[in-house]
């Protein structure tokens, strides 16, 4: 394939300044936020609207050029890595909030809108879009939908698929299609909106979306509980749910992260605590007061060594920013950091973490666990160095063992990061063969020439 000619053809569609082909530029689009997987694209293109995407995909399909859609590339599973080269289609210039409809609790956006920009615009109208991945500063709406992203608020409000009403997409054959509607209820035929949501850019390129919104709660309160034993923390979460309380957030940090954030912040966390639970409860003031009391009392009954309650919104924000420091501390702690994404039943969360810790201790691999404790979504994170081949291979074997362990716990391969490149080797070992066969057939219907984000999820 003569990619110089391809670049010239693309420049005729989007303008020369929106096509990159130098080695320096291509290298910038060869990896995602995990940076473990790398592959150089042959050309990078920035469309400005759906018509541009349509023309680009038609060209790629005619010439059978691989196309990898890309938003902010904050994903952690290799989903936006152009593993077969070809075109990287960057949608970040399609960044308009097209309309906000407070009366019908919906918003229409282009795929390149940053989640943080959307939330800022909605906040002015006392509305919010609940999915809140930790990458909100750089994540785009198209990427969030493609990954069916989650985040801390999912325990109460659900994941992205619960909030996508309609999509405008460009199919791999170059046709523009509109799925769904702006109404909450819509059972006209197969739910193709849900099919595209979470498909990791393998079935269509999302260019616009209609999203369902929720009024902002009148009040929020943040509570922190620290425990000297991990099982105590795990049992607290279950007891709070048994009491009929569903917090908007329940986050779990282990001793490793507690120590790291204690050094980075001025908050007084006991560094000998085995686990820390961070709760947020929201709603009307009377509900928030009752929920807070139950969270505090349950934590104390289960032996919490310390309780901290944010006195106002400013202090609550400080607590949650400190929690975000945990990710910075983790990713700055080793030359190569591999963050896993596994979900197990909430009731077995503590046991799973202890088993993971034992596996890593025996192998001599450093690990920490941050998790969304309210829904059992855990992120065991492993410290290694890809340049140290012996340790890197040992770490990969440990990760394989941990993923296999999740199946023993009736868990799933991914709760919010997707399959991408990282976990596709587990798909055939853990999924029903009929399931694999059906998704292969669906892929063929949408993408007969196999050009769109090839090599991801299930493919060999």
Protein backbone atom coordinates (compact mmCIF):
# COMPACT_ATOMS: atom_id res chain seq x y z
CA UNK A 1 0.00 0.00 0.00
CA UNK A 2 1.34 3.41 -0.99
CA UNK A 3 0.47 5.45 2.08
CA UNK A 4 1.86 8.63 0.57
CA UNK A 5 -0.96 8.46 -1.94
CA UNK A 6 -3.41 7.60 0.85
CA UNK A 7 -2.27 10.67 2.80
CA UNK A 8 -2.83 12.82 -0.29
CA UNK A 9 -6.32 11.35 -0.73
CA UNK A 10 -7.13 12.04 2.91
CA UNK A 11 -5.84 15.62 2.60
CA UNK A 12 -8.37 16.19 -0.19
CA UNK A 13 -11.11 15.26 2.30
CA UNK A 14 -10.03 17.06 5.48
CA UNK A 15 -7.29 19.45 4.39
CA UNK A 16 -3.54 18.94 4.51
CA UNK A 17 -3.14 20.31 8.05
CA UNK A 18 -5.44 17.57 9.37
CA UNK A 19 -3.29 14.70 8.06
CA UNK A 20 -0.11 13.57 9.84
CA UNK A 21 2.44 11.22 8.34
CA UNK A 22 5.89 12.07 9.77
CA UNK A 23 7.57 9.44 11.95
CA UNK A 24 7.51 11.77 14.96
CA UNK A 25 3.76 12.35 14.62
CA UNK A 26 2.94 8.71 13.97
CA UNK A 27 4.82 7.64 17.08
CA UNK A 28 2.50 9.80 19.21
CA UNK A 29 -0.48 7.75 18.01
CA UNK A 30 1.09 4.32 18.43
CA UNK A 31 0.00 3.67 22.04
CA UNK A 32 -2.77 4.33 24.56
CA UNK A 33 -2.75 5.34 28.25
CA UNK A 34 -1.39 1.95 29.31
CA UNK A 35 1.56 2.35 26.89
CA UNK A 36 2.33 -1.39 27.04
CA UNK A 37 1.18 -2.10 23.50
CA UNK A 38 2.65 -0.08 20.66
CA UNK A 39 2.30 -0.18 16.90
CA UNK A 40 2.96 2.63 14.45
CA UNK A 41 0.09 3.76 12.22
CA UNK A 42 0.83 4.65 8.62
CA UNK A 43 -1.17 7.87 8.64
CA UNK A 44 -3.23 9.89 11.14
CA UNK A 45 -6.30 11.90 10.12
CA UNK A 46 -8.53 14.40 12.01
CA UNK A 47 -12.08 14.67 10.63
CA UNK A 48 -14.21 17.70 11.52
CA UNK A 49 -17.67 16.24 10.94
CA UNK A 50 -19.64 13.11 10.08
CA UNK A 51 -19.31 13.76 6.34
CA UNK A 52 -15.51 13.68 6.70
CA UNK A 53 -15.70 10.35 8.55
CA UNK A 54 -18.00 8.94 5.88
CA UNK A 55 -15.55 9.85 3.11
CA UNK A 56 -12.53 8.53 5.03
CA UNK A 57 -14.18 5.19 5.79
CA UNK A 58 -15.36 4.80 2.18
CA UNK A 59 -11.78 5.32 1.01
CA UNK A 60 -10.42 2.86 3.57
CA UNK A 61 -13.02 0.22 2.75
CA UNK A 62 -12.37 0.47 -0.99
CA UNK A 63 -8.61 0.09 -0.43
CA UNK A 64 -9.05 -2.36 2.49
CA UNK A 65 -6.97 -0.18 4.83
CA UNK A 66 -7.23 -0.87 8.58
CA UNK A 67 -8.84 2.02 10.52
CA UNK A 68 -8.43 2.51 14.27
CA UNK A 69 -10.86 5.05 15.79
CA UNK A 70 -9.32 7.13 18.58
CA UNK A 71 -10.58 9.70 21.05
CA UNK A 72 -8.47 10.83 23.98
CA UNK A 73 -6.68 7.44 24.10
CA UNK A 74 -7.17 7.30 27.87
CA UNK A 75 -8.17 3.63 27.54
CA UNK A 76 -6.04 1.02 29.30
CA UNK A 77 -6.53 -2.16 27.25
CA UNK A 78 -4.89 -1.36 23.92
CA UNK A 79 -8.20 -0.63 22.21
CA UNK A 80 -6.94 2.45 20.36
CA UNK A 81 -3.57 0.98 19.37
CA UNK A 82 -3.34 0.52 15.57
CA UNK A 83 -2.05 -3.03 15.87
CA UNK A 84 -2.26 -3.60 12.09
CA UNK A 85 -1.09 -0.12 11.10
CA UNK A 86 -3.17 1.76 8.55
CA UNK A 87 -5.19 4.85 9.46
CA UNK A 88 -5.69 6.23 12.94
CA UNK A 89 -8.94 8.21 12.87
CA UNK A 90 -8.77 10.84 15.63
CA UNK A 91 -12.15 12.34 16.51
CA UNK A 92 -11.04 15.02 18.99
CA UNK A 93 -11.83 17.91 16.61
CA UNK A 94 -15.49 16.85 16.57
CA UNK A 95 -16.01 18.49 19.96
CA UNK A 96 -19.30 20.41 19.83
CA UNK A 97 -22.08 20.15 22.40
CA UNK A 98 -24.90 20.39 19.87
CA UNK A 99 -27.86 20.92 22.20
CA UNK A 100 -28.92 20.54 25.84
CA UNK A 101 -32.59 19.75 26.50
CA UNK A 102 -33.29 20.25 30.23
CA UNK A 103 -37.01 19.63 29.77
CA UNK A 104 -36.44 16.16 28.35
CA UNK A 105 -33.23 15.48 30.33
CA UNK A 106 -31.04 14.83 27.31
CA UNK A 107 -28.04 16.25 25.49
CA UNK A 108 -26.74 15.82 21.94
CA UNK A 109 -22.97 15.87 21.47
CA UNK A 110 -20.28 15.10 18.94
CA UNK A 111 -18.01 12.16 19.68
CA UNK A 112 -14.93 14.24 20.48
CA UNK A 113 -16.46 16.21 23.34
CA UNK A 114 -14.42 15.79 26.53
CA UNK A 115 -16.39 14.35 29.42
CA UNK A 116 -15.13 17.10 31.74
CA UNK A 117 -16.31 19.80 29.32
CA UNK A 118 -19.72 18.16 29.10
CA UNK A 119 -20.04 17.92 32.88
CA UNK A 120 -19.06 21.59 33.26
CA UNK A 121 -21.73 22.67 30.76
CA UNK A 122 -24.39 20.48 32.38
CA UNK A 123 -23.56 21.66 35.90
CA UNK A 124 -24.71 25.18 34.95
CA UNK A 125 -28.16 23.71 34.35
CA UNK A 126 -28.09 21.52 37.48
CA UNK A 127 -27.86 18.36 35.37
CA UNK A 128 -25.28 15.58 35.15
CA UNK A 129 -24.22 12.57 33.09
CA UNK A 130 -23.38 9.87 35.68
CA UNK A 131 -20.58 7.79 34.06
CA UNK A 132 -17.38 9.11 35.66
CA UNK A 133 -14.22 7.25 34.66
CA UNK A 134 -11.09 8.52 36.39
CA UNK A 135 -9.84 9.73 32.99
CA UNK A 136 -12.64 12.34 32.74
CA UNK A 137 -10.18 15.17 32.03
CA UNK A 138 -9.09 13.56 28.76
CA UNK A 139 -11.74 10.97 27.89
CA UNK A 140 -14.06 11.73 24.97
CA UNK A 141 -17.75 10.81 24.80
CA UNK A 142 -17.19 8.59 21.75
CA UNK A 143 -14.51 6.63 23.60
CA UNK A 144 -16.63 6.39 26.74
CA UNK A 145 -19.48 4.91 24.70
CA UNK A 146 -17.18 2.59 22.74
CA UNK A 147 -15.76 1.22 26.01
CA UNK A 148 -19.08 1.29 27.93
CA UNK A 149 -17.11 3.15 30.59
CA UNK A 150 -17.87 3.04 34.28
CA UNK A 151 -16.41 4.77 37.31
CA UNK A 152 -17.20 5.22 41.02
CA UNK A 153 -20.79 6.44 40.49
CA UNK A 154 -21.80 3.22 38.71
CA UNK A 155 -22.72 1.51 41.98
CA UNK A 156 -25.84 3.69 42.19
CA UNK A 157 -26.33 5.09 38.72
CA UNK A 158 -25.13 2.37 36.36
CA UNK A 159 -22.66 2.35 33.47
CA UNK A 160 -22.64 4.22 30.17
CA UNK A 161 -25.05 1.89 28.36
CA UNK A 162 -27.86 3.04 30.67
CA UNK A 163 -27.46 6.61 29.37
CA UNK A 164 -27.07 6.28 25.59
CA UNK A 165 -30.39 6.99 23.85
CA UNK A 166 -29.29 7.46 20.25
CA UNK A 167 -26.21 7.31 18.04
CA UNK A 168 -25.09 8.60 14.68
CA UNK A 169 -22.43 6.28 13.32
CA UNK A 170 -20.48 5.58 10.17
CA UNK A 171 -20.46 1.90 9.33
CA UNK A 172 -17.27 0.23 8.05
CA UNK A 173 -18.76 0.21 4.54
CA UNK A 174 -18.92 4.01 4.62
CA UNK A 175 -22.65 4.39 5.22
CA UNK A 176 -24.06 6.84 7.78
CA UNK A 177 -26.66 5.29 10.12
CA UNK A 178 -28.80 6.62 12.97
CA UNK A 179 -29.78 4.23 15.77
CA UNK A 180 -32.09 4.90 18.71
CA UNK A 181 -33.94 8.15 19.44
CA UNK A 182 -34.17 10.98 21.94
CA UNK A 183 -36.83 9.19 24.02
CA UNK A 184 -36.16 7.04 27.07
CA UNK A 185 -38.56 4.33 25.90
CA UNK A 186 -37.89 2.82 22.49
CA UNK A 187 -38.47 -0.86 21.66
CA UNK A 188 -38.73 -0.54 17.88
CA UNK A 189 -36.71 -3.56 16.77
CA UNK A 190 -33.27 -4.74 17.88
CA UNK A 191 -31.36 -2.47 20.27
CA UNK A 192 -28.47 -1.51 18.01
CA UNK A 193 -27.53 1.39 20.30
CA UNK A 194 -26.65 -1.10 23.02
CA UNK A 195 -24.82 -3.28 20.51
CA UNK A 196 -22.55 -0.41 19.45
CA UNK A 197 -22.05 0.69 23.07
CA UNK A 198 -19.10 -1.31 24.39
CA UNK A 199 -18.11 -2.66 20.96
CA UNK A 200 -14.68 -0.96 21.30
CA UNK A 201 -14.76 0.64 17.86
CA UNK A 202 -15.00 -2.68 16.02
CA UNK A 203 -18.49 -2.27 14.53
CA UNK A 204 -18.90 1.43 13.71
CA UNK A 205 -17.36 4.86 14.19
CA UNK A 206 -19.49 6.91 16.59
CA UNK A 207 -19.77 10.53 15.45
CA UNK A 208 -22.71 11.87 17.50
CA UNK A 209 -24.68 10.72 20.54
CA UNK A 210 -27.89 11.57 22.36
CA UNK A 211 -27.38 11.00 26.08
CA UNK A 212 -29.82 10.68 28.96
CA UNK A 213 -29.24 13.04 31.89
CA UNK A 214 -30.21 13.16 35.56
CA UNK A 215 -30.93 16.22 37.75
CA UNK A 216 -28.07 16.91 40.14
CA UNK A 217 -28.81 15.71 43.68
CA UNK A 218 -29.55 18.49 46.15
CA UNK A 219 -26.87 17.35 48.58
CA UNK A 220 -23.81 15.10 48.75
CA UNK A 221 -21.74 13.95 51.71
CA UNK A 222 -18.37 12.17 51.82
CA UNK A 223 -17.39 9.73 54.59
CA UNK A 224 -14.08 7.91 55.02
CA UNK A 225 -13.71 4.80 57.17
CA UNK A 226 -10.36 3.14 57.91
CA UNK A 227 -9.93 -0.48 59.02
CA UNK A 228 -7.10 -2.53 60.50
CA UNK A 229 -8.24 -5.66 58.66
CA UNK A 230 -9.35 -5.97 55.03
CA UNK A 231 -12.23 -8.43 55.63
CA UNK A 232 -13.85 -5.89 57.95
CA UNK A 233 -14.00 -3.37 55.11
CA UNK A 234 -15.49 -5.93 52.76
CA UNK A 235 -18.22 -6.90 55.20
CA UNK A 236 -19.14 -3.27 55.89
CA UNK A 237 -20.14 -2.71 52.27
CA UNK A 238 -22.52 -5.67 52.30
CA UNK A 239 -24.11 -4.62 55.59
CA UNK A 240 -24.75 -1.08 54.33
CA UNK A 241 -26.54 -2.47 51.28
CA UNK A 242 -28.51 -4.85 53.52
CA UNK A 243 -29.69 -1.79 55.46
CA UNK A 244 -31.30 -0.49 52.26
CA UNK A 245 -28.71 2.20 51.57
CA UNK A 246 -27.08 2.49 48.15
CA UNK A 247 -24.27 5.05 48.32
CA UNK A 248 -23.46 6.91 45.12
CA UNK A 249 -19.79 5.90 45.55
CA UNK A 250 -17.96 3.22 47.54
CA UNK A 251 -14.21 3.16 46.86
CA UNK A 252 -11.63 0.80 48.36
CA UNK A 253 -7.94 1.60 48.84
CA UNK A 254 -5.40 -0.79 50.30
CA UNK A 255 -2.51 -0.07 52.68
CA UNK A 256 -0.05 0.51 49.82
CA UNK A 257 -2.16 3.34 48.38
CA UNK A 258 -3.02 4.78 51.80
CA UNK A 259 0.68 5.20 52.49
CA UNK A 260 1.33 6.78 49.11
CA UNK A 261 -1.45 9.36 49.34
CA UNK A 262 -0.53 10.15 52.95
CA UNK A 263 2.83 11.36 51.66
CA UNK A 264 1.22 13.37 48.86
CA UNK A 265 -1.51 15.11 50.87
CA UNK A 266 -1.92 16.87 54.20
CA UNK A 267 -4.76 14.59 55.30
CA UNK A 268 -4.16 12.55 58.43
CA UNK A 269 -4.56 8.93 57.34
CA UNK A 270 -3.19 6.23 59.69
CA UNK A 271 -0.51 4.56 57.60
CA UNK A 272 -0.93 1.23 59.39
CA UNK A 273 -4.56 0.88 58.22
CA UNK A 274 -5.13 -2.22 56.10
CA UNK A 275 -7.95 -0.68 54.08
CA UNK A 276 -9.83 2.55 53.53
CA UNK A 277 -13.40 2.88 52.31
CA UNK A 278 -14.55 6.16 50.79
CA UNK A 279 -18.31 6.69 50.63
CA UNK A 280 -20.41 9.34 48.99
CA UNK A 281 -24.15 9.51 49.67
CA UNK A 282 -26.44 11.87 47.78
CA UNK A 283 -30.05 12.93 47.41
CA UNK A 284 -32.42 15.12 49.40
CA UNK A 285 -30.99 16.44 52.70
CA UNK A 286 -33.03 14.12 54.92
CA UNK A 287 -32.01 11.07 52.87
CA UNK A 288 -28.36 12.13 52.98
CA UNK A 289 -28.51 12.55 56.75
CA UNK A 290 -30.08 9.12 57.30
CA UNK A 291 -27.72 7.40 54.85
CA UNK A 292 -24.68 9.04 56.46
CA UNK A 293 -25.72 7.85 59.91
CA UNK A 294 -26.10 4.28 58.68
CA UNK A 295 -22.71 4.35 56.92
CA UNK A 296 -20.97 5.74 60.01
CA UNK A 297 -22.73 3.47 62.52
CA UNK A 298 -22.18 0.35 60.42
CA UNK A 299 -18.50 1.18 59.96
CA UNK A 300 -18.05 1.73 63.70
CA UNK A 301 -19.89 -1.51 64.53
CA UNK A 302 -17.56 -3.40 62.18
CA UNK A 303 -14.48 -2.01 63.92
CA UNK A 304 -13.46 1.03 61.92
CA UNK A 305 -10.32 2.49 63.47
CA UNK A 306 -11.10 6.01 62.26
CA UNK A 307 -14.04 7.86 60.68
CA UNK A 308 -13.64 11.12 58.74
CA UNK A 309 -16.62 13.15 57.49
CA UNK A 310 -16.21 16.03 55.06
CA UNK A 311 -17.62 19.16 56.66
CA UNK A 312 -18.52 20.80 53.33
CA UNK A 313 -18.29 20.40 49.54
CA UNK A 314 -14.81 21.92 49.44
CA UNK A 315 -13.42 19.39 51.89
CA UNK A 316 -15.25 16.56 50.10
CA UNK A 317 -13.60 17.61 46.84
CA UNK A 318 -10.24 17.56 48.62
CA UNK A 319 -10.88 13.97 49.77
CA UNK A 320 -11.78 12.82 46.26
CA UNK A 321 -8.81 14.58 44.73
CA UNK A 322 -6.66 12.74 47.24
CA UNK A 323 -8.23 9.48 46.09
CA UNK A 324 -7.26 10.40 42.52
CA UNK A 325 -3.70 10.89 43.76
CA UNK A 326 -3.69 7.14 44.32
CA UNK A 327 -3.65 6.55 40.57
CA UNK A 328 -0.84 9.06 40.09
CA UNK A 329 1.14 7.41 42.85
CA UNK A 330 0.60 3.97 41.36
CA UNK A 331 1.55 4.91 37.81
CA UNK A 332 4.63 6.78 38.98
CA UNK A 333 5.93 3.95 41.15
CA UNK A 334 7.60 1.74 38.53
CA UNK A 335 8.94 1.94 34.97
CA UNK A 336 6.02 -0.22 33.78
CA UNK A 337 2.66 -0.39 35.54
CA UNK A 338 -0.08 -2.77 34.43
CA UNK A 339 -3.55 -1.95 35.76
CA UNK A 340 -5.98 -4.85 35.61
CA UNK A 341 -9.77 -4.59 35.59
CA UNK A 342 -11.69 -7.47 37.14
CA UNK A 343 -15.13 -7.68 38.69
CA UNK A 344 -16.10 -10.30 41.27
CA UNK A 345 -19.22 -10.64 43.43
CA UNK A 346 -19.14 -7.93 46.08
CA UNK A 347 -19.47 -10.49 48.87
CA UNK A 348 -16.22 -12.21 47.80
CA UNK A 349 -14.18 -9.09 47.16
CA UNK A 350 -12.00 -9.22 50.29
CA UNK A 351 -11.19 -12.90 49.78
CA UNK A 352 -10.22 -12.26 46.18
CA UNK A 353 -7.89 -9.39 47.13
CA UNK A 354 -6.14 -11.53 49.74
CA UNK A 355 -5.66 -14.34 47.22
CA UNK A 356 -4.20 -11.89 44.69
CA UNK A 357 -1.84 -10.53 47.34
CA UNK A 358 -0.67 -14.06 48.22
CA UNK A 359 -0.04 -14.92 44.54
CA UNK A 360 2.05 -11.80 44.05
CA UNK A 361 3.97 -12.21 47.30
CA UNK A 362 5.02 -15.74 46.35
CA UNK A 363 6.11 -14.57 42.89
CA UNK A 364 7.96 -11.50 44.17
CA UNK A 365 5.77 -9.07 42.22
CA UNK A 366 4.62 -5.83 43.84
CA UNK A 367 0.87 -5.25 43.64
CA UNK A 368 -1.70 -2.81 44.94
CA UNK A 369 -5.48 -2.86 44.70
CA UNK A 370 -7.81 0.07 44.14
CA UNK A 371 -11.42 -0.78 43.55
CA UNK A 372 -15.01 0.29 43.20
CA UNK A 373 -16.11 -1.67 46.25
CA UNK A 374 -19.80 -1.01 45.74
CA UNK A 375 -19.95 -3.20 42.65
CA UNK A 376 -16.95 -5.50 43.15
CA UNK A 377 -14.96 -3.90 40.32
CA UNK A 378 -11.29 -4.16 41.32
CA UNK A 379 -8.08 -2.86 39.76
CA UNK A 380 -5.15 -5.03 40.86
CA UNK A 381 -2.16 -3.05 39.63
CA UNK A 382 1.25 -4.64 39.09
CA UNK A 383 4.64 -2.92 39.20
CA UNK A 384 7.29 -4.16 36.78
CA UNK A 385 9.73 -3.04 34.08
CA UNK A 386 9.26 -4.15 30.49
CA UNK A 387 13.01 -3.72 29.94
CA UNK A 388 13.67 -6.33 32.63
CA UNK A 389 12.57 -9.30 30.53
CA UNK A 390 12.71 -11.83 33.37
CA UNK A 391 10.61 -9.78 35.77
CA UNK A 392 8.22 -8.65 33.02
CA UNK A 393 7.52 -12.22 31.92
CA UNK A 394 7.06 -13.26 35.56
CA UNK A 395 4.58 -10.43 36.03
CA UNK A 396 2.62 -11.44 32.94
CA UNK A 397 2.34 -14.98 34.29
CA UNK A 398 1.09 -13.60 37.61
CA UNK A 399 -1.53 -11.52 35.78
CA UNK A 400 -2.67 -14.61 33.87
CA UNK A 401 -3.03 -16.43 37.18
CA UNK A 402 -5.03 -13.55 38.67
CA UNK A 403 -7.38 -13.40 35.67
CA UNK A 404 -7.91 -17.15 35.86
CA UNK A 405 -8.58 -16.76 39.59
CA UNK A 406 -11.38 -14.31 38.82
CA UNK A 407 -13.22 -17.09 36.99
CA UNK A 408 -12.97 -19.27 40.08
CA UNK A 409 -14.73 -16.43 41.94
CA UNK A 410 -17.53 -16.22 39.33
CA UNK A 411 -16.05 -12.95 38.13
CA UNK A 412 -15.74 -11.36 34.69
CA UNK A 413 -12.71 -10.44 32.59
CA UNK A 414 -13.44 -6.73 32.51
CA UNK A 415 -15.75 -4.40 34.39
CA UNK A 416 -14.99 -1.13 32.59
CA UNK A 417 -11.67 -1.13 30.70
CA UNK A 418 -12.75 -3.42 27.87
CA UNK A 419 -10.97 -6.36 26.25
CA UNK A 420 -8.94 -4.63 23.53
CA UNK A 421 -5.59 -6.34 23.05
CA UNK A 422 -4.91 -7.12 26.68
CA UNK A 423 -7.48 -9.81 27.43
CA UNK A 424 -8.47 -11.24 24.08
CA UNK A 425 -6.31 -14.29 24.80
CA UNK A 426 -8.75 -15.14 27.59
CA UNK A 427 -11.92 -14.79 25.54
CA UNK A 428 -11.94 -18.27 24.02
CA UNK A 429 -10.93 -19.83 27.35
CA UNK A 430 -13.66 -18.15 29.40
CA UNK A 431 -16.59 -17.49 27.06
CA UNK A 432 -19.17 -19.85 25.58
CA UNK A 433 -18.03 -20.88 22.05
CA UNK A 434 -21.50 -19.96 20.77
CA UNK A 435 -21.00 -16.44 22.12
CA UNK A 436 -17.70 -16.13 20.23
CA UNK A 437 -19.27 -17.46 17.06
CA UNK A 438 -22.18 -15.01 17.24
CA UNK A 439 -19.97 -11.95 17.76
CA UNK A 440 -17.79 -13.08 14.83
CA UNK A 441 -20.90 -13.23 12.66
CA UNK A 442 -22.06 -9.81 13.87
CA UNK A 443 -18.64 -8.36 13.04
CA UNK A 444 -18.87 -9.83 9.53
CA UNK A 445 -22.29 -8.27 8.94
CA UNK A 446 -21.13 -4.82 10.00
CA UNK A 447 -17.60 -5.02 8.60
CA UNK A 448 -17.35 -7.48 5.69
CA UNK A 449 -13.79 -6.42 4.84
CA UNK A 450 -12.59 -6.40 8.46
CA UNK A 451 -11.13 -2.89 8.30
CA UNK A 452 -12.45 -1.38 11.55
CA UNK A 453 -10.20 -1.72 14.62
CA UNK A 454 -9.02 -5.18 13.56
CA UNK A 455 -7.26 -7.55 15.96
CA UNK A 456 -9.29 -6.52 19.01
CA UNK A 457 -11.56 -8.32 21.52
CA UNK A 458 -11.81 -11.86 20.12
CA UNK A 459 -9.76 -11.99 16.93
CA UNK A 460 -6.73 -14.22 16.62
